[in-house]
Amino acid sequence: MTNAIAGFFQNMGISDELVVFIVSMLPVVELRGAIPLGFLMNMDPWQLFALTVIGNILPVPFIILCARPIVNFFLRTKLLRPVGNWMENKVRKNAHKLGKYELWGLFIFVAIPLPGTGAWTGALLAALMDLRLKTSVPAILLGVVTAGVIMVFGSTIVKFLIGIF
């Protein structure tokens, strides 16, 4: 999927750096997909790390600020109410996992580079749990940086192992 996205942007004449930056901003793919993509493009790991962290964190404040009003709109709209209720119930059901360690839990949730975790989901959780912007953004940023470090080192090891064969 990541290669298809990159191919789409590259066919438009966009530089590899901008492709990686844009891919890191996308939900689901985020930094976890952008870093291996950058390694496939033979980008410098430090430049790749910086581009993907910045790209991944950029939408976070907007998600935190807009998610609650959007969900509230869904809840007031007959057609979208089931979606709003589903989102509310999902957060309520999973909020206990963060428990009393809200910000540390948010950091760890974002830092673990697994599918379904990341800056977008962390920002949605923060918004729907009514966490403050000034405390949740630093926790998410630290999580993104940690996930970036894990992904760069992991991708470096995979690239090295592939180079052996």
N, C-alpha and C. Protein backbone atom coordinates (compact mmCIF):
# COMPACT_ATOMS: atom_id res chain seq x y z
N MET A 1 0.82 -1.20 0.00
CA MET A 1 0.00 0.00 0.00
C MET A 1 0.87 1.26 0.00
N THR A 2 1.92 1.24 0.83
CA THR A 2 2.80 2.39 0.92
C THR A 2 3.48 2.66 -0.41
N ASN A 3 3.91 1.59 -1.09
CA ASN A 3 4.57 1.76 -2.40
C ASN A 3 3.61 2.35 -3.42
N ALA A 4 2.35 1.96 -3.37
CA ALA A 4 1.35 2.51 -4.29
C ALA A 4 1.16 4.00 -4.05
N ILE A 5 1.11 4.38 -2.78
CA ILE A 5 0.96 5.80 -2.43
C ILE A 5 2.18 6.58 -2.91
N ALA A 6 3.37 6.03 -2.65
CA ALA A 6 4.60 6.70 -3.06
C ALA A 6 4.66 6.82 -4.57
N GLY A 7 4.29 5.75 -5.28
CA GLY A 7 4.29 5.78 -6.74
C GLY A 7 3.36 6.85 -7.28
N PHE A 8 2.21 7.00 -6.65
CA PHE A 8 1.25 8.03 -7.06
C PHE A 8 1.89 9.42 -6.99
N PHE A 9 2.55 9.72 -5.85
CA PHE A 9 3.16 11.04 -5.69
C PHE A 9 4.39 11.20 -6.58
N GLN A 10 5.18 10.17 -6.73
CA GLN A 10 6.38 10.25 -7.57
C GLN A 10 6.01 10.47 -9.03
N ASN A 11 4.92 9.87 -9.49
CA ASN A 11 4.46 10.07 -10.87
C ASN A 11 4.05 11.51 -11.12
N MET A 12 3.75 12.23 -10.05
CA MET A 12 3.39 13.65 -10.17
C MET A 12 4.64 14.53 -10.17
N GLY A 13 5.82 13.91 -10.06
CA GLY A 13 7.07 14.67 -10.07
C GLY A 13 7.47 15.22 -8.72
N ILE A 14 6.94 14.68 -7.65
CA ILE A 14 7.25 15.16 -6.30
C ILE A 14 8.51 14.45 -5.81
N SER A 15 9.36 15.18 -5.12
CA SER A 15 10.63 14.64 -4.63
C SER A 15 10.40 13.53 -3.60
N ASP A 16 11.41 12.67 -3.44
CA ASP A 16 11.32 11.59 -2.45
C ASP A 16 11.10 12.12 -1.05
N GLU A 17 11.75 13.23 -0.71
CA GLU A 17 11.61 13.81 0.62
C GLU A 17 10.17 14.23 0.88
N LEU A 18 9.57 14.88 -0.11
CA LEU A 18 8.19 15.33 0.06
C LEU A 18 7.23 14.14 0.08
N VAL A 19 7.52 13.09 -0.69
CA VAL A 19 6.70 11.88 -0.67
C VAL A 19 6.69 11.28 0.72
N VAL A 20 7.87 11.13 1.32
CA VAL A 20 7.98 10.55 2.66
C VAL A 20 7.27 11.44 3.68
N PHE A 21 7.42 12.74 3.55
CA PHE A 21 6.76 13.68 4.45
C PHE A 21 5.24 13.53 4.36
N ILE A 22 4.71 13.47 3.15
CA ILE A 22 3.26 13.36 2.95
C ILE A 22 2.76 12.02 3.47
N VAL A 23 3.48 10.94 3.16
CA VAL A 23 3.06 9.61 3.61
C VAL A 23 3.03 9.54 5.13
N SER A 24 3.98 10.19 5.79
CA SER A 24 4.01 10.16 7.26
C SER A 24 2.83 10.91 7.88
N MET A 25 2.18 11.77 7.12
CA MET A 25 1.02 12.51 7.61
C MET A 25 -0.28 11.73 7.45
N LEU A 26 -0.26 10.68 6.64
CA LEU A 26 -1.49 9.94 6.35
C LEU A 26 -1.91 9.06 7.52
N PRO A 27 -3.22 8.98 7.77
CA PRO A 27 -3.66 8.06 8.83
C PRO A 27 -3.38 6.62 8.43
N VAL A 28 -3.25 5.77 9.38
CA VAL A 28 -2.96 4.34 9.26
C VAL A 28 -1.50 4.12 8.86
N VAL A 29 -1.02 4.71 7.78
CA VAL A 29 0.35 4.50 7.31
C VAL A 29 1.32 5.20 8.25
N GLU A 30 1.14 6.49 8.42
CA GLU A 30 1.93 7.32 9.32
C GLU A 30 3.44 7.08 9.18
N LEU A 31 4.14 7.33 10.24
CA LEU A 31 5.60 7.19 10.29
C LEU A 31 6.02 5.73 10.14
N ARG A 32 5.19 4.81 10.60
CA ARG A 32 5.50 3.39 10.56
C ARG A 32 5.63 2.86 9.13
N GLY A 33 4.96 3.47 8.21
CA GLY A 33 5.08 3.09 6.81
C GLY A 33 6.04 3.98 6.04
N ALA A 34 6.16 5.24 6.47
CA ALA A 34 7.00 6.20 5.77
C ALA A 34 8.49 5.89 5.94
N ILE A 35 8.88 5.42 7.10
CA ILE A 35 10.31 5.15 7.33
C ILE A 35 10.80 3.98 6.47
N PRO A 36 10.12 2.83 6.46
CA PRO A 36 10.57 1.77 5.54
C PRO A 36 10.55 2.22 4.08
N LEU A 37 9.56 3.04 3.72
CA LEU A 37 9.50 3.58 2.37
C LEU A 37 10.75 4.40 2.06
N GLY A 38 11.13 5.25 3.00
CA GLY A 38 12.33 6.08 2.82
C GLY A 38 13.59 5.23 2.69
N PHE A 39 13.64 4.13 3.43
CA PHE A 39 14.79 3.22 3.30
C PHE A 39 14.80 2.58 1.91
N LEU A 40 13.62 2.25 1.38
CA LEU A 40 13.55 1.70 0.02
C LEU A 40 14.01 2.72 -1.01
N MET A 41 13.85 4.00 -0.69
CA MET A 41 14.28 5.09 -1.59
C MET A 41 15.74 5.49 -1.34
N ASN A 42 16.41 4.75 -0.43
CA ASN A 42 17.82 5.01 -0.09
C ASN A 42 18.04 6.41 0.48
N MET A 43 17.12 6.87 1.30
CA MET A 43 17.26 8.18 1.93
C MET A 43 18.18 8.08 3.14
N ASP A 44 18.78 9.20 3.50
CA ASP A 44 19.60 9.29 4.70
C ASP A 44 18.72 9.05 5.93
N PRO A 45 19.10 8.13 6.83
CA PRO A 45 18.25 7.81 7.98
C PRO A 45 17.92 9.01 8.88
N TRP A 46 18.86 9.92 9.07
CA TRP A 46 18.59 11.06 9.96
C TRP A 46 17.63 12.05 9.32
N GLN A 47 17.81 12.28 8.03
CA GLN A 47 16.89 13.15 7.31
C GLN A 47 15.50 12.51 7.29
N LEU A 48 15.47 11.22 7.04
CA LEU A 48 14.22 10.47 7.02
C LEU A 48 13.51 10.55 8.37
N PHE A 49 14.26 10.37 9.44
CA PHE A 49 13.70 10.45 10.79
C PHE A 49 13.08 11.82 11.02
N ALA A 50 13.81 12.88 10.71
CA ALA A 50 13.31 14.24 10.94
C ALA A 50 12.06 14.52 10.11
N LEU A 51 12.07 14.16 8.84
CA LEU A 51 10.91 14.40 7.97
C LEU A 51 9.67 13.66 8.44
N THR A 52 9.86 12.41 8.84
CA THR A 52 8.69 11.61 9.23
C THR A 52 8.14 12.02 10.59
N VAL A 53 9.00 12.40 11.52
CA VAL A 53 8.51 12.85 12.83
C VAL A 53 7.72 14.15 12.66
N ILE A 54 8.26 15.08 11.91
CA ILE A 54 7.56 16.35 11.68
C ILE A 54 6.24 16.12 10.94
N GLY A 55 6.30 15.30 9.90
CA GLY A 55 5.09 15.00 9.14
C GLY A 55 4.03 14.29 9.97
N ASN A 56 4.46 13.37 10.82
CA ASN A 56 3.52 12.60 11.62
C ASN A 56 2.87 13.43 12.73
N ILE A 57 3.62 14.37 13.30
CA ILE A 57 3.09 15.15 14.42
C ILE A 57 2.26 16.35 13.94
N LEU A 58 2.46 16.78 12.71
CA LEU A 58 1.79 17.98 12.19
C LEU A 58 0.26 17.94 12.32
N PRO A 59 -0.42 16.85 11.98
CA PRO A 59 -1.88 16.87 12.08
C PRO A 59 -2.43 16.73 13.51
N VAL A 60 -1.60 16.35 14.46
CA VAL A 60 -2.06 16.02 15.81
C VAL A 60 -2.85 17.15 16.48
N PRO A 61 -2.34 18.38 16.55
CA PRO A 61 -3.13 19.43 17.23
C PRO A 61 -4.49 19.65 16.58
N PHE A 62 -4.53 19.54 15.26
CA PHE A 62 -5.80 19.75 14.55
C PHE A 62 -6.78 18.62 14.86
N ILE A 63 -6.28 17.40 14.96
CA ILE A 63 -7.14 16.27 15.30
C ILE A 63 -7.69 16.45 16.71
N ILE A 64 -6.82 16.83 17.64
CA ILE A 64 -7.26 17.00 19.03
C ILE A 64 -8.30 18.12 19.13
N LEU A 65 -8.10 19.20 18.40
CA LEU A 65 -9.03 20.32 18.46
C LEU A 65 -10.35 20.04 17.75
N CYS A 66 -10.32 19.25 16.69
CA CYS A 66 -11.51 19.05 15.86
C CYS A 66 -12.30 17.78 16.17
N ALA A 67 -11.69 16.79 16.76
CA ALA A 67 -12.35 15.49 16.94
C ALA A 67 -13.59 15.59 17.82
N ARG A 68 -13.48 16.26 18.96
CA ARG A 68 -14.63 16.35 19.87
C ARG A 68 -15.80 17.07 19.20
N PRO A 69 -15.60 18.24 18.56
CA PRO A 69 -16.74 18.89 17.90
C PRO A 69 -17.35 18.03 16.78
N ILE A 70 -16.52 17.29 16.07
CA ILE A 70 -17.04 16.43 15.00
C ILE A 70 -17.88 15.30 15.60
N VAL A 71 -17.39 14.66 16.64
CA VAL A 71 -18.16 13.59 17.29
C VAL A 71 -19.46 14.15 17.87
N ASN A 72 -19.41 15.33 18.47
CA ASN A 72 -20.63 15.95 19.00
C ASN A 72 -21.63 16.23 17.89
N PHE A 73 -21.13 16.67 16.73
CA PHE A 73 -21.99 16.87 15.55
C PHE A 73 -22.63 15.55 15.13
N PHE A 74 -21.82 14.50 15.09
CA PHE A 74 -22.34 13.17 14.75
C PHE A 74 -23.46 12.77 15.70
N LEU A 75 -23.26 13.01 16.99
CA LEU A 75 -24.25 12.62 17.99
C LEU A 75 -25.56 13.40 17.87
N ARG A 76 -25.49 14.62 17.31
CA ARG A 76 -26.69 15.43 17.12
C ARG A 76 -27.40 15.15 15.80
N THR A 77 -26.74 14.41 14.92
CA THR A 77 -27.29 14.14 13.59
C THR A 77 -27.86 12.72 13.55
N LYS A 78 -29.11 12.60 13.17
CA LYS A 78 -29.78 11.30 13.17
C LYS A 78 -29.03 10.28 12.32
N LEU A 79 -28.60 10.67 11.14
CA LEU A 79 -27.91 9.76 10.22
C LEU A 79 -26.55 9.32 10.75
N LEU A 80 -25.80 10.23 11.39
CA LEU A 80 -24.44 9.94 11.84
C LEU A 80 -24.35 9.54 13.32
N ARG A 81 -25.47 9.58 14.02
CA ARG A 81 -25.46 9.24 15.45
C ARG A 81 -24.85 7.86 15.74
N PRO A 82 -25.14 6.83 14.94
CA PRO A 82 -24.52 5.52 15.22
C PRO A 82 -22.99 5.56 15.16
N VAL A 83 -22.45 6.35 14.25
CA VAL A 83 -20.99 6.48 14.16
C VAL A 83 -20.45 7.19 15.39
N GLY A 84 -21.11 8.27 15.81
CA GLY A 84 -20.70 8.99 17.01
C GLY A 84 -20.78 8.12 18.24
N ASN A 85 -21.87 7.35 18.36
CA ASN A 85 -22.02 6.44 19.51
C ASN A 85 -20.94 5.36 19.49
N TRP A 86 -20.65 4.84 18.30
CA TRP A 86 -19.62 3.81 18.18
C TRP A 86 -18.27 4.36 18.64
N MET A 87 -17.94 5.59 18.21
CA MET A 87 -16.66 6.20 18.61
C MET A 87 -16.62 6.42 20.12
N GLU A 88 -17.69 6.96 20.67
CA GLU A 88 -17.74 7.20 22.12
C GLU A 88 -17.59 5.89 22.90
N ASN A 89 -18.32 4.86 22.47
CA ASN A 89 -18.26 3.57 23.17
C ASN A 89 -16.88 2.93 23.05
N LYS A 90 -16.27 3.07 21.88
CA LYS A 90 -14.94 2.51 21.66
C LYS A 90 -13.93 3.17 22.60
N VAL A 91 -14.01 4.48 22.74
CA VAL A 91 -13.08 5.19 23.62
C VAL A 91 -13.36 4.82 25.08
N ARG A 92 -14.64 4.81 25.47
CA ARG A 92 -14.99 4.44 26.84
C ARG A 92 -14.50 3.04 27.18
N LYS A 93 -14.66 2.13 26.21
CA LYS A 93 -14.26 0.74 26.43
C LYS A 93 -12.75 0.61 26.58
N ASN A 94 -11.98 1.42 25.83
CA ASN A 94 -10.52 1.30 25.84
C ASN A 94 -9.83 2.31 26.75
N ALA A 95 -10.57 3.27 27.28
CA ALA A 95 -9.96 4.31 28.12
C ALA A 95 -9.33 3.72 29.37
N HIS A 96 -9.88 2.63 29.88
CA HIS A 96 -9.34 2.03 31.10
C HIS A 96 -7.92 1.51 30.88
N LYS A 97 -7.57 1.21 29.62
CA LYS A 97 -6.21 0.74 29.32
C LYS A 97 -5.19 1.84 29.62
N LEU A 98 -5.59 3.08 29.40
CA LEU A 98 -4.71 4.20 29.76
C LEU A 98 -4.79 4.48 31.25
N GLY A 99 -5.99 4.24 31.80
CA GLY A 99 -6.20 4.33 33.23
C GLY A 99 -5.70 5.62 33.86
N LYS A 100 -5.16 5.46 35.06
CA LYS A 100 -4.68 6.64 35.79
C LYS A 100 -3.38 7.17 35.21
N TYR A 101 -2.79 6.43 34.31
CA TYR A 101 -1.55 6.85 33.66
C TYR A 101 -1.85 7.52 32.33
N GLU A 102 -2.84 8.38 32.29
CA GLU A 102 -3.33 8.93 31.03
C GLU A 102 -2.22 9.34 30.07
N LEU A 103 -1.36 10.26 30.51
CA LEU A 103 -0.34 10.77 29.59
C LEU A 103 0.76 9.75 29.32
N TRP A 104 1.18 9.00 30.36
CA TRP A 104 2.17 7.94 30.13
C TRP A 104 1.57 6.84 29.26
N GLY A 105 0.32 6.53 29.51
CA GLY A 105 -0.37 5.54 28.69
C GLY A 105 -0.49 5.98 27.25
N LEU A 106 -0.79 7.26 27.05
CA LEU A 106 -0.87 7.83 25.71
C LEU A 106 0.49 7.76 25.02
N PHE A 107 1.54 8.12 25.74
CA PHE A 107 2.90 8.03 25.20
C PHE A 107 3.23 6.61 24.77
N ILE A 108 2.99 5.65 25.65
CA ILE A 108 3.32 4.25 25.33
C ILE A 108 2.47 3.75 24.17
N PHE A 109 1.20 4.11 24.15
CA PHE A 109 0.31 3.70 23.07
C PHE A 109 0.82 4.19 21.73
N VAL A 110 1.26 5.43 21.65
CA VAL A 110 1.76 6.00 20.40
C VAL A 110 3.15 5.46 20.06
N ALA A 111 3.96 5.18 21.09
CA ALA A 111 5.36 4.78 20.87
C ALA A 111 5.50 3.37 20.32
N ILE A 112 4.55 2.49 20.61
CA ILE A 112 4.65 1.11 20.15
C ILE A 112 4.27 1.06 18.67
N PRO A 113 5.22 0.73 17.80
CA PRO A 113 4.92 0.77 16.36
C PRO A 113 4.16 -0.47 15.88
N LEU A 114 2.90 -0.54 16.24
CA LEU A 114 2.02 -1.62 15.80
C LEU A 114 0.85 -1.03 15.03
N PRO A 115 0.22 -1.83 14.18
CA PRO A 115 -0.97 -1.32 13.48
C PRO A 115 -2.05 -0.92 14.47
N GLY A 116 -2.69 0.21 14.20
CA GLY A 116 -3.75 0.69 15.07
C GLY A 116 -3.28 1.61 16.18
N THR A 117 -1.98 1.72 16.34
CA THR A 117 -1.44 2.68 17.30
C THR A 117 -0.75 3.77 16.49
N GLY A 118 -0.53 4.91 17.07
CA GLY A 118 0.15 5.97 16.36
C GLY A 118 -0.41 7.33 16.74
N ALA A 119 0.09 8.34 16.06
CA ALA A 119 -0.26 9.72 16.40
C ALA A 119 -1.74 10.01 16.14
N TRP A 120 -2.27 9.53 15.03
CA TRP A 120 -3.68 9.80 14.71
C TRP A 120 -4.59 9.19 15.77
N THR A 121 -4.39 7.92 16.07
CA THR A 121 -5.23 7.25 17.05
C THR A 121 -5.01 7.85 18.44
N GLY A 122 -3.76 8.16 18.77
CA GLY A 122 -3.47 8.78 20.05
C GLY A 122 -4.14 10.14 20.19
N ALA A 123 -4.14 10.91 19.12
CA ALA A 123 -4.79 12.23 19.14
C ALA A 123 -6.31 12.07 19.29
N LEU A 124 -6.88 11.09 18.60
CA LEU A 124 -8.32 10.85 18.76
C LEU A 124 -8.66 10.44 20.19
N LEU A 125 -7.83 9.56 20.75
CA LEU A 125 -8.04 9.16 22.15
C LEU A 125 -7.95 10.37 23.08
N ALA A 126 -6.93 11.18 22.87
CA ALA A 126 -6.76 12.37 23.72
C ALA A 126 -7.96 13.29 23.62
N ALA A 127 -8.45 13.50 22.41
CA ALA A 127 -9.59 14.39 22.21
C ALA A 127 -10.85 13.83 22.85
N LEU A 128 -11.10 12.55 22.63
CA LEU A 128 -12.33 11.96 23.13
C LEU A 128 -12.29 11.68 24.63
N MET A 129 -11.08 11.66 25.20
CA MET A 129 -10.95 11.54 26.65
C MET A 129 -10.86 12.91 27.31
N ASP A 130 -11.00 13.97 26.48
CA ASP A 130 -10.97 15.35 26.95
C ASP A 130 -9.66 15.72 27.64
N LEU A 131 -8.55 15.20 27.12
CA LEU A 131 -7.23 15.58 27.64
C LEU A 131 -6.87 16.95 27.06
N ARG A 132 -6.11 17.72 27.78
CA ARG A 132 -5.75 19.06 27.33
C ARG A 132 -4.70 19.01 26.24
N LEU A 133 -4.79 19.95 25.32
CA LEU A 133 -3.87 20.03 24.19
C LEU A 133 -2.43 20.19 24.65
N LYS A 134 -2.21 21.07 25.63
CA LYS A 134 -0.84 21.37 26.05
C LYS A 134 -0.16 20.21 26.78
N THR A 135 -0.92 19.23 27.25
CA THR A 135 -0.30 18.07 27.89
C THR A 135 -0.30 16.85 26.97
N SER A 136 -1.30 16.74 26.12
CA SER A 136 -1.38 15.55 25.27
C SER A 136 -0.44 15.64 24.08
N VAL A 137 -0.23 16.82 23.51
CA VAL A 137 0.67 16.94 22.35
C VAL A 137 2.10 16.54 22.72
N PRO A 138 2.67 17.00 23.84
CA PRO A 138 4.01 16.52 24.19
C PRO A 138 4.09 15.01 24.39
N ALA A 139 3.07 14.42 25.00
CA ALA A 139 3.07 12.96 25.19
C ALA A 139 3.04 12.25 23.84
N ILE A 140 2.22 12.74 22.93
CA ILE A 140 2.14 12.14 21.59
C ILE A 140 3.44 12.37 20.84
N LEU A 141 4.02 13.56 20.96
CA LEU A 141 5.29 13.85 20.28
C LEU A 141 6.39 12.90 20.76
N LEU A 142 6.49 12.70 22.07
CA LEU A 142 7.50 11.76 22.59
C LEU A 142 7.24 10.35 22.09
N GLY A 143 5.98 9.98 21.98
CA GLY A 143 5.63 8.67 21.44
C GLY A 143 6.02 8.54 19.98
N VAL A 144 5.79 9.59 19.20
CA VAL A 144 6.16 9.58 17.78
C VAL A 144 7.68 9.49 17.63
N VAL A 145 8.41 10.25 18.43
CA VAL A 145 9.88 10.21 18.37
C VAL A 145 10.37 8.80 18.73
N THR A 146 9.81 8.22 19.77
CA THR A 146 10.21 6.87 20.18
C THR A 146 9.89 5.85 19.08
N ALA A 147 8.71 5.93 18.51
CA ALA A 147 8.34 5.04 17.42
C ALA A 147 9.27 5.24 16.22
N GLY A 148 9.65 6.49 15.96
CA GLY A 148 10.57 6.79 14.86
C GLY A 148 11.93 6.16 15.08
N VAL A 149 12.44 6.25 16.31
CA VAL A 149 13.73 5.64 16.63
C VAL A 149 13.65 4.13 16.45
N ILE A 150 12.59 3.52 16.95
CA ILE A 150 12.40 2.08 16.80
C ILE A 150 12.34 1.69 15.33
N MET A 151 11.60 2.44 14.55
CA MET A 151 11.44 2.12 13.13
C MET A 151 12.74 2.33 12.35
N VAL A 152 13.49 3.38 12.66
CA VAL A 152 14.76 3.61 11.95
C VAL A 152 15.75 2.49 12.27
N PHE A 153 15.87 2.15 13.55
CA PHE A 153 16.79 1.07 13.90
C PHE A 153 16.33 -0.26 13.33
N GLY A 154 15.03 -0.53 13.40
CA GLY A 154 14.50 -1.77 12.83
C GLY A 154 14.71 -1.84 11.33
N SER A 155 14.46 -0.74 10.64
CA SER A 155 14.64 -0.71 9.19
C SER A 155 16.11 -0.83 8.81
N THR A 156 16.99 -0.23 9.63
CA THR A 156 18.43 -0.35 9.39
C THR A 156 18.88 -1.80 9.50
N ILE A 157 18.38 -2.49 10.52
CA ILE A 157 18.74 -3.89 10.71
C ILE A 157 18.21 -4.74 9.55
N VAL A 158 16.97 -4.51 9.14
CA VAL A 158 16.40 -5.27 8.02
C VAL A 158 17.18 -5.00 6.74
N LYS A 159 17.51 -3.74 6.49
CA LYS A 159 18.28 -3.40 5.29
C LYS A 159 19.66 -4.07 5.33
N PHE A 160 20.30 -4.11 6.49
CA PHE A 160 21.58 -4.77 6.63
C PHE A 160 21.46 -6.26 6.36
N LEU A 161 20.44 -6.89 6.94
CA LEU A 161 20.25 -8.33 6.75
C LEU A 161 19.95 -8.68 5.30
N ILE A 162 19.18 -7.84 4.63
CA ILE A 162 18.89 -8.07 3.21
C ILE A 162 20.17 -7.91 2.40
N GLY A 163 21.04 -6.96 2.79
CA GLY A 163 22.29 -6.74 2.08
C GLY A 163 23.26 -7.90 2.19
N ILE A 164 23.12 -8.70 3.25
CA ILE A 164 24.00 -9.85 3.44
C ILE A 164 23.72 -10.92 2.38
N PHE A 165 22.44 -11.06 2.05
CA PHE A 165 22.06 -12.10 1.10
C PHE A 165 22.12 -11.54 -0.26
